[in-house]
Each structure stands twice: as C-alpha cells, then as structure tokens.
Amino acid sequence: MLSVAEHNRLFWRSRRGMLELDVLLVPFVKEAFPSLSEENQARYKKLIDCEDPDLFRWFMQKEQPDDPELAIIVEMILNHVPASS
C-alpha cells in the first residue's frame, strides 16, 4: 500500500500538461489506482515513465503499446472513462 506522500507524488506525475492525457490519468489515479492490485499499480507506475507522445497515441487508440503489460493498463484506463452522453 502506498503512503499518502507516495500517492501524492504519483498524482503529480500523472499530470502531464497535455489536456488529453490529464483528463484520463488524473481521474484514474485519484479514483481507481488505490483499489488496483499491486501488479496493476506497478503497471501504472511503469506507464507513467513513458513519453507523452507515446501515451497520446495509445490513448487515442492510434497505436498499441509493444509491451503487453502497458497494453493492459492502457485498456484499464480507457475503460475507466465514463461514456459521454
């Protein structure tokens, strides 16, 4: 389990400065991350180390990550997005 300080650090690392990424990552880290398994938390931490252009392509579904671990967490984040009305 992450300490409050570690979770806060992860929150700030999730803020990318690109609106398209922020609207996906920030709500996910606030709402879903705490209840993830340790394995999925590790996947998220690995994802956060990726470059913004790669993240953008993956989340806009232009490409799939080569790493199957990253593909799993990308799909989880995309599934966390509420359907627009």
PDB file of N, CA and C in Angstrom:
ATOM      1  N   MET A   1       0.842  -1.183   0.000  1.00  0.00           N
ATOM      2  CA  MET A   1       0.000   0.000   0.000  1.00  0.00           C
ATOM      3  C   MET A   1       0.886   1.245   0.000  1.00  0.00           C
ATOM      4  N   LEU A   2       0.485   2.208  -0.796  1.00  0.00           N
ATOM      5  CA  LEU A   2       1.253   3.439  -0.901  1.00  0.00           C
ATOM      6  C   LEU A   2       0.974   4.367   0.275  1.00  0.00           C
ATOM      7  N   SER A   3       1.993   5.059   0.683  1.00  0.00           N
ATOM      8  CA  SER A   3       1.794   6.096   1.691  1.00  0.00           C
ATOM      9  C   SER A   3       1.104   7.285   1.020  1.00  0.00           C
ATOM     10  N   VAL A   4       0.606   8.192   1.825  1.00  0.00           N
ATOM     11  CA  VAL A   4      -0.036   9.393   1.288  1.00  0.00           C
ATOM     12  C   VAL A   4       0.958  10.185   0.440  1.00  0.00           C
ATOM     13  N   ALA A   5       2.179  10.296   0.907  1.00  0.00           N
ATOM     14  CA  ALA A   5       3.204  11.041   0.168  1.00  0.00           C
ATOM     15  C   ALA A   5       3.485  10.391  -1.186  1.00  0.00           C
ATOM     16  N   GLU A   6       3.578   9.056  -1.205  1.00  0.00           N
ATOM     17  CA  GLU A   6       3.824   8.351  -2.468  1.00  0.00           C
ATOM     18  C   GLU A   6       2.651   8.531  -3.431  1.00  0.00           C
ATOM     19  N   HIS A   7       1.424   8.460  -2.907  1.00  0.00           N
ATOM     20  CA  HIS A   7       0.249   8.650  -3.760  1.00  0.00           C
ATOM     21  C   HIS A   7       0.207  10.072  -4.303  1.00  0.00           C
ATOM     22  N   ASN A   8       0.546  11.049  -3.476  1.00  0.00           N
ATOM     23  CA  ASN A   8       0.592  12.439  -3.946  1.00  0.00           C
ATOM     24  C   ASN A   8       1.637  12.620  -5.043  1.00  0.00           C
ATOM     25  N   ARG A   9       2.789  11.991  -4.876  1.00  0.00           N
ATOM     26  CA  ARG A   9       3.831  12.064  -5.902  1.00  0.00           C
ATOM     27  C   ARG A   9       3.331  11.466  -7.205  1.00  0.00           C
ATOM     28  N   LEU A  10       2.667  10.332  -7.110  1.00  0.00           N
ATOM     29  CA  LEU A  10       2.119   9.667  -8.292  1.00  0.00           C
ATOM     30  C   LEU A  10       1.055  10.541  -8.956  1.00  0.00           C
ATOM     31  N   PHE A  11       0.229  11.184  -8.142  1.00  0.00           N
ATOM     32  CA  PHE A  11      -0.779  12.103  -8.681  1.00  0.00           C
ATOM     33  C   PHE A  11      -0.108  13.203  -9.503  1.00  0.00           C
ATOM     34  N   TRP A  12       0.929  13.814  -8.945  1.00  0.00           N
ATOM     35  CA  TRP A  12       1.588  14.914  -9.660  1.00  0.00           C
ATOM     36  C   TRP A  12       2.316  14.423 -10.897  1.00  0.00           C
ATOM     37  N   ARG A  13       2.836  13.220 -10.867  1.00  0.00           N
ATOM     38  CA  ARG A  13       3.478  12.650 -12.066  1.00  0.00           C
ATOM     39  C   ARG A  13       2.441  12.326 -13.135  1.00  0.00           C
ATOM     40  N   SER A  14       1.188  12.138 -12.724  1.00  0.00           N
ATOM     41  CA  SER A  14       0.112  11.830 -13.669  1.00  0.00           C
ATOM     42  C   SER A  14      -0.373  13.079 -14.396  1.00  0.00           C
ATOM     43  N   ARG A  15      -0.081  14.234 -13.848  1.00  0.00           N
ATOM     44  CA  ARG A  15      -0.436  15.496 -14.510  1.00  0.00           C
ATOM     45  C   ARG A  15       0.623  15.764 -15.564  1.00  0.00           C
ATOM     46  N   ARG A  16       0.216  15.679 -16.811  1.00  0.00           N
ATOM     47  CA  ARG A  16       1.183  15.734 -17.902  1.00  0.00           C
ATOM     48  C   ARG A  16       1.275  17.093 -18.575  1.00  0.00           C
ATOM     49  N   GLY A  17       0.267  17.936 -18.410  1.00  0.00           N
ATOM     50  CA  GLY A  17       0.274  19.219 -19.089  1.00  0.00           C
ATOM     51  C   GLY A  17      -0.337  19.144 -20.470  1.00  0.00           C
ATOM     52  N   MET A  18      -0.784  17.974 -20.864  1.00  0.00           N
ATOM     53  CA  MET A  18      -1.492  17.793 -22.126  1.00  0.00           C
ATOM     54  C   MET A  18      -2.919  17.402 -21.732  1.00  0.00           C
ATOM     55  N   LEU A  19      -3.884  18.244 -22.051  1.00  0.00           N
ATOM     56  CA  LEU A  19      -5.250  18.056 -21.601  1.00  0.00           C
ATOM     57  C   LEU A  19      -5.772  16.646 -21.887  1.00  0.00           C
ATOM     58  N   GLU A  20      -5.497  16.135 -23.069  1.00  0.00           N
ATOM     59  CA  GLU A  20      -5.994  14.807 -23.448  1.00  0.00           C
ATOM     60  C   GLU A  20      -5.491  13.721 -22.504  1.00  0.00           C
ATOM     61  N   LEU A  21      -4.287  13.871 -22.007  1.00  0.00           N
ATOM     62  CA  LEU A  21      -3.734  12.895 -21.065  1.00  0.00           C
ATOM     63  C   LEU A  21      -4.223  13.163 -19.652  1.00  0.00           C
ATOM     64  N   ASP A  22      -4.277  14.427 -19.277  1.00  0.00           N
ATOM     65  CA  ASP A  22      -4.710  14.778 -17.923  1.00  0.00           C
ATOM     66  C   ASP A  22      -6.129  14.297 -17.629  1.00  0.00           C
ATOM     67  N   VAL A  23      -7.035  14.406 -18.602  1.00  0.00           N
ATOM     68  CA  VAL A  23      -8.427  14.010 -18.355  1.00  0.00           C
ATOM     69  C   VAL A  23      -8.574  12.500 -18.213  1.00  0.00           C
ATOM     70  N   LEU A  24      -7.580  11.753 -18.646  1.00  0.00           N
ATOM     71  CA  LEU A  24      -7.596  10.299 -18.467  1.00  0.00           C
ATOM     72  C   LEU A  24      -6.841   9.878 -17.208  1.00  0.00           C
ATOM     73  N   LEU A  25      -5.636  10.386 -17.056  1.00  0.00           N
ATOM     74  CA  LEU A  25      -4.757   9.904 -15.999  1.00  0.00           C
ATOM     75  C   LEU A  25      -5.121  10.419 -14.609  1.00  0.00           C
ATOM     76  N   VAL A  26      -5.460  11.698 -14.493  1.00  0.00           N
ATOM     77  CA  VAL A  26      -5.722  12.269 -13.170  1.00  0.00           C
ATOM     78  C   VAL A  26      -6.938  11.611 -12.503  1.00  0.00           C
ATOM     79  N   PRO A  27      -8.087  11.503 -13.184  1.00  0.00           N
ATOM     80  CA  PRO A  27      -9.208  10.819 -12.530  1.00  0.00           C
ATOM     81  C   PRO A  27      -8.895   9.354 -12.222  1.00  0.00           C
ATOM     82  N   PHE A  28      -8.146   8.696 -13.102  1.00  0.00           N
ATOM     83  CA  PHE A  28      -7.817   7.296 -12.870  1.00  0.00           C
ATOM     84  C   PHE A  28      -6.970   7.132 -11.620  1.00  0.00           C
ATOM     85  N   VAL A  29      -5.945   7.967 -11.472  1.00  0.00           N
ATOM     86  CA  VAL A  29      -5.060   7.823 -10.308  1.00  0.00           C
ATOM     87  C   VAL A  29      -5.795   8.193  -9.018  1.00  0.00           C
ATOM     88  N   LYS A  30      -6.743   9.126  -9.106  1.00  0.00           N
ATOM     89  CA  LYS A  30      -7.496   9.516  -7.914  1.00  0.00           C
ATOM     90  C   LYS A  30      -8.565   8.486  -7.549  1.00  0.00           C
ATOM     91  N   GLU A  31      -9.273   7.968  -8.534  1.00  0.00           N
ATOM     92  CA  GLU A  31     -10.434   7.127  -8.271  1.00  0.00           C
ATOM     93  C   GLU A  31     -10.142   5.629  -8.289  1.00  0.00           C
ATOM     94  N   ALA A  32      -9.343   5.180  -9.237  1.00  0.00           N
ATOM     95  CA  ALA A  32      -9.170   3.739  -9.446  1.00  0.00           C
ATOM     96  C   ALA A  32      -7.862   3.188  -8.885  1.00  0.00           C
ATOM     97  N   PHE A  33      -6.810   3.972  -8.943  1.00  0.00           N
ATOM     98  CA  PHE A  33      -5.489   3.469  -8.554  1.00  0.00           C
ATOM     99  C   PHE A  33      -5.452   2.853  -7.157  1.00  0.00           C
ATOM    100  N   PRO A  34      -6.035   3.501  -6.144  1.00  0.00           N
ATOM    101  CA  PRO A  34      -5.927   2.931  -4.793  1.00  0.00           C
ATOM    102  C   PRO A  34      -6.491   1.516  -4.658  1.00  0.00           C
ATOM    103  N   SER A  35      -7.458   1.161  -5.478  1.00  0.00           N
ATOM    104  CA  SER A  35      -8.072  -0.170  -5.363  1.00  0.00           C
ATOM    105  C   SER A  35      -7.460  -1.200  -6.318  1.00  0.00           C
ATOM    106  N   LEU A  36      -6.464  -0.804  -7.091  1.00  0.00           N
ATOM    107  CA  LEU A  36      -5.812  -1.746  -8.004  1.00  0.00           C
ATOM    108  C   LEU A  36      -4.964  -2.748  -7.232  1.00  0.00           C
ATOM    109  N   SER A  37      -4.780  -3.913  -7.841  1.00  0.00           N
ATOM    110  CA  SER A  37      -3.843  -4.890  -7.279  1.00  0.00           C
ATOM    111  C   SER A  37      -2.427  -4.311  -7.360  1.00  0.00           C
ATOM    112  N   GLU A  38      -1.528  -4.887  -6.590  1.00  0.00           N
ATOM    113  CA  GLU A  38      -0.132  -4.420  -6.628  1.00  0.00           C
ATOM    114  C   GLU A  38       0.433  -4.549  -8.040  1.00  0.00           C
ATOM    115  N   GLU A  39       0.062  -5.618  -8.728  1.00  0.00           N
ATOM    116  CA  GLU A  39       0.533  -5.852 -10.101  1.00  0.00           C
ATOM    117  C   GLU A  39       0.065  -4.732 -11.032  1.00  0.00           C
ATOM    118  N   ASN A  40      -1.189  -4.332 -10.933  1.00  0.00           N
ATOM    119  CA  ASN A  40      -1.695  -3.262 -11.787  1.00  0.00           C
ATOM    120  C   ASN A  40      -1.162  -1.902 -11.361  1.00  0.00           C
ATOM    121  N   GLN A  41      -0.920  -1.714 -10.069  1.00  0.00           N
ATOM    122  CA  GLN A  41      -0.282  -0.470  -9.632  1.00  0.00           C
ATOM    123  C   GLN A  41       1.115  -0.364 -10.228  1.00  0.00           C
ATOM    124  N   ALA A  42       1.833  -1.475 -10.272  1.00  0.00           N
ATOM    125  CA  ALA A  42       3.174  -1.485 -10.872  1.00  0.00           C
ATOM    126  C   ALA A  42       3.090  -1.166 -12.364  1.00  0.00           C
ATOM    127  N   ARG A  43       2.065  -1.688 -13.020  1.00  0.00           N
ATOM    128  CA  ARG A  43       1.881  -1.378 -14.450  1.00  0.00           C
ATOM    129  C   ARG A  43       1.648   0.118 -14.642  1.00  0.00           C
ATOM    130  N   TYR A  44       0.836   0.712 -13.778  1.00  0.00           N
ATOM    131  CA  TYR A  44       0.573   2.146 -13.888  1.00  0.00           C
ATOM    132  C   TYR A  44       1.853   2.952 -13.683  1.00  0.00           C
ATOM    133  N   LYS A  45       2.625   2.587 -12.687  1.00  0.00           N
ATOM    134  CA  LYS A  45       3.889   3.294 -12.434  1.00  0.00           C
ATOM    135  C   LYS A  45       4.816   3.184 -13.634  1.00  0.00           C
ATOM    136  N   LYS A  46       4.825   2.029 -14.288  1.00  0.00           N
ATOM    137  CA  LYS A  46       5.638   1.837 -15.495  1.00  0.00           C
ATOM    138  C   LYS A  46       5.109   2.728 -16.623  1.00  0.00           C
ATOM    139  N   LEU A  47       3.796   2.827 -16.738  1.00  0.00           N
ATOM    140  CA  LEU A  47       3.175   3.650 -17.776  1.00  0.00           C
ATOM    141  C   LEU A  47       3.549   5.116 -17.611  1.00  0.00           C
ATOM    142  N   ILE A  48       3.553   5.585 -16.372  1.00  0.00           N
ATOM    143  CA  ILE A  48       3.840   6.993 -16.093  1.00  0.00           C
ATOM    144  C   ILE A  48       5.255   7.378 -16.529  1.00  0.00           C
ATOM    145  N   ASP A  49       6.142   6.415 -16.642  1.00  0.00           N
ATOM    146  CA  ASP A  49       7.509   6.698 -17.087  1.00  0.00           C
ATOM    147  C   ASP A  49       7.611   6.837 -18.606  1.00  0.00           C
ATOM    148  N   CYS A  50       6.537   6.571 -19.325  1.00  0.00           N
ATOM    149  CA  CYS A  50       6.556   6.654 -20.795  1.00  0.00           C
ATOM    150  C   CYS A  50       6.453   8.112 -21.248  1.00  0.00           C
ATOM    151  N   GLU A  51       6.850   8.319 -22.471  1.00  0.00           N
ATOM    152  CA  GLU A  51       6.828   9.663 -23.058  1.00  0.00           C
ATOM    153  C   GLU A  51       5.403  10.060 -23.456  1.00  0.00           C
ATOM    154  N   ASP A  52       5.108  11.353 -23.341  1.00  0.00           N
ATOM    155  CA  ASP A  52       3.770  11.854 -23.666  1.00  0.00           C
ATOM    156  C   ASP A  52       3.308  11.517 -25.084  1.00  0.00           C
ATOM    157  N   PRO A  53       4.141  11.659 -26.117  1.00  0.00           N
ATOM    158  CA  PRO A  53       3.661  11.318 -27.456  1.00  0.00           C
ATOM    159  C   PRO A  53       3.220   9.849 -27.571  1.00  0.00           C
ATOM    160  N   ASP A  54       3.934   8.954 -26.896  1.00  0.00           N
ATOM    161  CA  ASP A  54       3.531   7.547 -26.902  1.00  0.00           C
ATOM    162  C   ASP A  54       2.199   7.377 -26.191  1.00  0.00           C
ATOM    163  N   LEU A  55       2.071   7.980 -25.006  1.00  0.00           N
ATOM    164  CA  LEU A  55       0.824   7.892 -24.261  1.00  0.00           C
ATOM    165  C   LEU A  55      -0.338   8.422 -25.092  1.00  0.00           C
ATOM    166  N   PHE A  56      -0.129   9.539 -25.740  1.00  0.00           N
ATOM    167  CA  PHE A  56      -1.178  10.143 -26.560  1.00  0.00           C
ATOM    168  C   PHE A  56      -1.634   9.169 -27.653  1.00  0.00           C
ATOM    169  N   ARG A  57      -0.690   8.587 -28.374  1.00  0.00           N
ATOM    170  CA  ARG A  57      -1.046   7.644 -29.450  1.00  0.00           C
ATOM    171  C   ARG A  57      -1.803   6.442 -28.898  1.00  0.00           C
ATOM    172  N   TRP A  58      -1.385   5.950 -27.740  1.00  0.00           N
ATOM    173  CA  TRP A  58      -2.046   4.780 -27.154  1.00  0.00           C
ATOM    174  C   TRP A  58      -3.458   5.116 -26.698  1.00  0.00           C
ATOM    175  N   PHE A  59      -3.620   6.248 -26.028  1.00  0.00           N
ATOM    176  CA  PHE A  59      -4.932   6.602 -25.510  1.00  0.00           C
ATOM    177  C   PHE A  59      -5.892   7.081 -26.594  1.00  0.00           C
ATOM    178  N   MET A  60      -5.360   7.593 -27.678  1.00  0.00           N
ATOM    179  CA  MET A  60      -6.212   7.966 -28.810  1.00  0.00           C
ATOM    180  C   MET A  60      -6.446   6.754 -29.722  1.00  0.00           C
ATOM    181  N   GLN A  61      -5.912   5.623 -29.317  1.00  0.00           N
ATOM    182  CA  GLN A  61      -6.065   4.332 -29.990  1.00  0.00           C
ATOM    183  C   GLN A  61      -5.553   4.361 -31.431  1.00  0.00           C
ATOM    184  N   LYS A  62      -4.471   5.117 -31.619  1.00  0.00           N
ATOM    185  CA  LYS A  62      -3.790   5.150 -32.914  1.00  0.00           C
ATOM    186  C   LYS A  62      -2.780   4.006 -33.001  1.00  0.00           C
ATOM    187  N   GLU A  63      -2.263   3.593 -31.848  1.00  0.00           N
ATOM    188  CA  GLU A  63      -1.288   2.502 -31.743  1.00  0.00           C
ATOM    189  C   GLU A  63      -1.552   1.733 -30.464  1.00  0.00           C
ATOM    190  N   GLN A  64      -0.953   0.545 -30.386  1.00  0.00           N
ATOM    191  CA  GLN A  64      -0.958  -0.263 -29.169  1.00  0.00           C
ATOM    192  C   GLN A  64       0.473  -0.291 -28.627  1.00  0.00           C
ATOM    193  N   PRO A  65       0.632  -0.290 -27.312  1.00  0.00           N
ATOM    194  CA  PRO A  65       1.991  -0.435 -26.770  1.00  0.00           C
ATOM    195  C   PRO A  65       2.564  -1.799 -27.163  1.00  0.00           C
ATOM    196  N   ASP A  66       3.858  -1.840 -27.442  1.00  0.00           N
ATOM    197  CA  ASP A  66       4.517  -3.113 -27.738  1.00  0.00           C
ATOM    198  C   ASP A  66       4.571  -4.001 -26.506  1.00  0.00           C
ATOM    199  N   ASP A  67       4.677  -3.384 -25.348  1.00  0.00           N
ATOM    200  CA  ASP A  67       4.760  -4.104 -24.082  1.00  0.00           C
ATOM    201  C   ASP A  67       3.353  -4.533 -23.648  1.00  0.00           C
ATOM    202  N   PRO A  68       3.096  -5.840 -23.533  1.00  0.00           N
ATOM    203  CA  PRO A  68       1.755  -6.290 -23.148  1.00  0.00           C
ATOM    204  C   PRO A  68       1.320  -5.799 -21.767  1.00  0.00           C
ATOM    205  N   GLU A  69       2.276  -5.560 -20.865  1.00  0.00           N
ATOM    206  CA  GLU A  69       1.945  -5.030 -19.540  1.00  0.00           C
ATOM    207  C   GLU A  69       1.357  -3.620 -19.657  1.00  0.00           C
ATOM    208  N   LEU A  70       1.946  -2.818 -20.532  1.00  0.00           N
ATOM    209  CA  LEU A  70       1.438  -1.465 -20.745  1.00  0.00           C
ATOM    210  C   LEU A  70       0.088  -1.498 -21.442  1.00  0.00           C
ATOM    211  N   ALA A  71      -0.081  -2.441 -22.366  1.00  0.00           N
ATOM    212  CA  ALA A  71      -1.364  -2.559 -23.073  1.00  0.00           C
ATOM    213  C   ALA A  71      -2.498  -2.848 -22.094  1.00  0.00           C
ATOM    214  N   ILE A  72      -2.220  -3.642 -21.077  1.00  0.00           N
ATOM    215  CA  ILE A  72      -3.240  -3.978 -20.072  1.00  0.00           C
ATOM    216  C   ILE A  72      -3.683  -2.729 -19.325  1.00  0.00           C
ATOM    217  N   ILE A  73      -2.735  -1.927 -18.861  1.00  0.00           N
ATOM    218  CA  ILE A  73      -3.101  -0.752 -18.069  1.00  0.00           C
ATOM    219  C   ILE A  73      -3.716   0.335 -18.945  1.00  0.00           C
ATOM    220  N   VAL A  74      -3.280   0.456 -20.183  1.00  0.00           N
ATOM    221  CA  VAL A  74      -3.905   1.416 -21.104  1.00  0.00           C
ATOM    222  C   VAL A  74      -5.375   1.056 -21.279  1.00  0.00           C
ATOM    223  N   GLU A  75      -5.663  -0.211 -21.480  1.00  0.00           N
ATOM    224  CA  GLU A  75      -7.056  -0.644 -21.635  1.00  0.00           C
ATOM    225  C   GLU A  75      -7.862  -0.375 -20.362  1.00  0.00           C
ATOM    226  N   MET A  76      -7.261  -0.620 -19.211  1.00  0.00           N
ATOM    227  CA  MET A  76      -7.953  -0.348 -17.944  1.00  0.00           C
ATOM    228  C   MET A  76      -8.300   1.133 -17.816  1.00  0.00           C
ATOM    229  N   ILE A  77      -7.383   1.992 -18.187  1.00  0.00           N
ATOM    230  CA  ILE A  77      -7.614   3.434 -18.092  1.00  0.00           C
ATOM    231  C   ILE A  77      -8.701   3.856 -19.072  1.00  0.00           C
ATOM    232  N   LEU A  78      -8.637   3.345 -20.295  1.00  0.00           N
ATOM    233  CA  LEU A  78      -9.668   3.671 -21.275  1.00  0.00           C
ATOM    234  C   LEU A  78     -11.039   3.180 -20.832  1.00  0.00           C
ATOM    235  N   ASN A  79     -11.095   2.033 -20.187  1.00  0.00           N
ATOM    236  CA  ASN A  79     -12.370   1.510 -19.687  1.00  0.00           C
ATOM    237  C   ASN A  79     -12.890   2.281 -18.484  1.00  0.00           C
ATOM    238  N   HIS A  80     -12.024   3.026 -17.824  1.00  0.00           N
ATOM    239  CA  HIS A  80     -12.423   3.815 -16.661  1.00  0.00           C
ATOM    240  C   HIS A  80     -13.141   5.094 -17.068  1.00  0.00           C
ATOM    241  N   VAL A  81     -12.943   5.533 -18.300  1.00  0.00           N
ATOM    242  CA  VAL A  81     -13.537   6.775 -18.789  1.00  0.00           C
ATOM    243  C   VAL A  81     -15.049   6.588 -18.892  1.00  0.00           C
ATOM    244  N   PRO A  82     -15.824   7.459 -18.259  1.00  0.00           N
ATOM    245  CA  PRO A  82     -17.283   7.335 -18.394  1.00  0.00           C
ATOM    246  C   PRO A  82     -17.724   7.620 -19.824  1.00  0.00           C
ATOM    247  N   ALA A  83     -18.739   6.907 -20.252  1.00  0.00           N
ATOM    248  CA  ALA A  83     -19.268   7.131 -21.610  1.00  0.00           C
ATOM    249  C   ALA A  83     -19.857   8.534 -21.685  1.00  0.00           C
ATOM    250  N   SER A  84     -19.558   9.215 -22.773  1.00  0.00           N
ATOM    251  CA  SER A  84     -20.092  10.587 -22.920  1.00  0.00           C
ATOM    252  C   SER A  84     -21.564  10.500 -23.304  1.00  0.00           C
ATOM    253  N   SER A  85     -22.321  11.469 -22.831  1.00  0.00           N
ATOM    254  CA  SER A  85     -23.765  11.443 -23.128  1.00  0.00           C
ATOM    255  C   SER A  85     -24.123  12.320 -24.284  1.00  0.00           C
TER     256      SER A  85
END
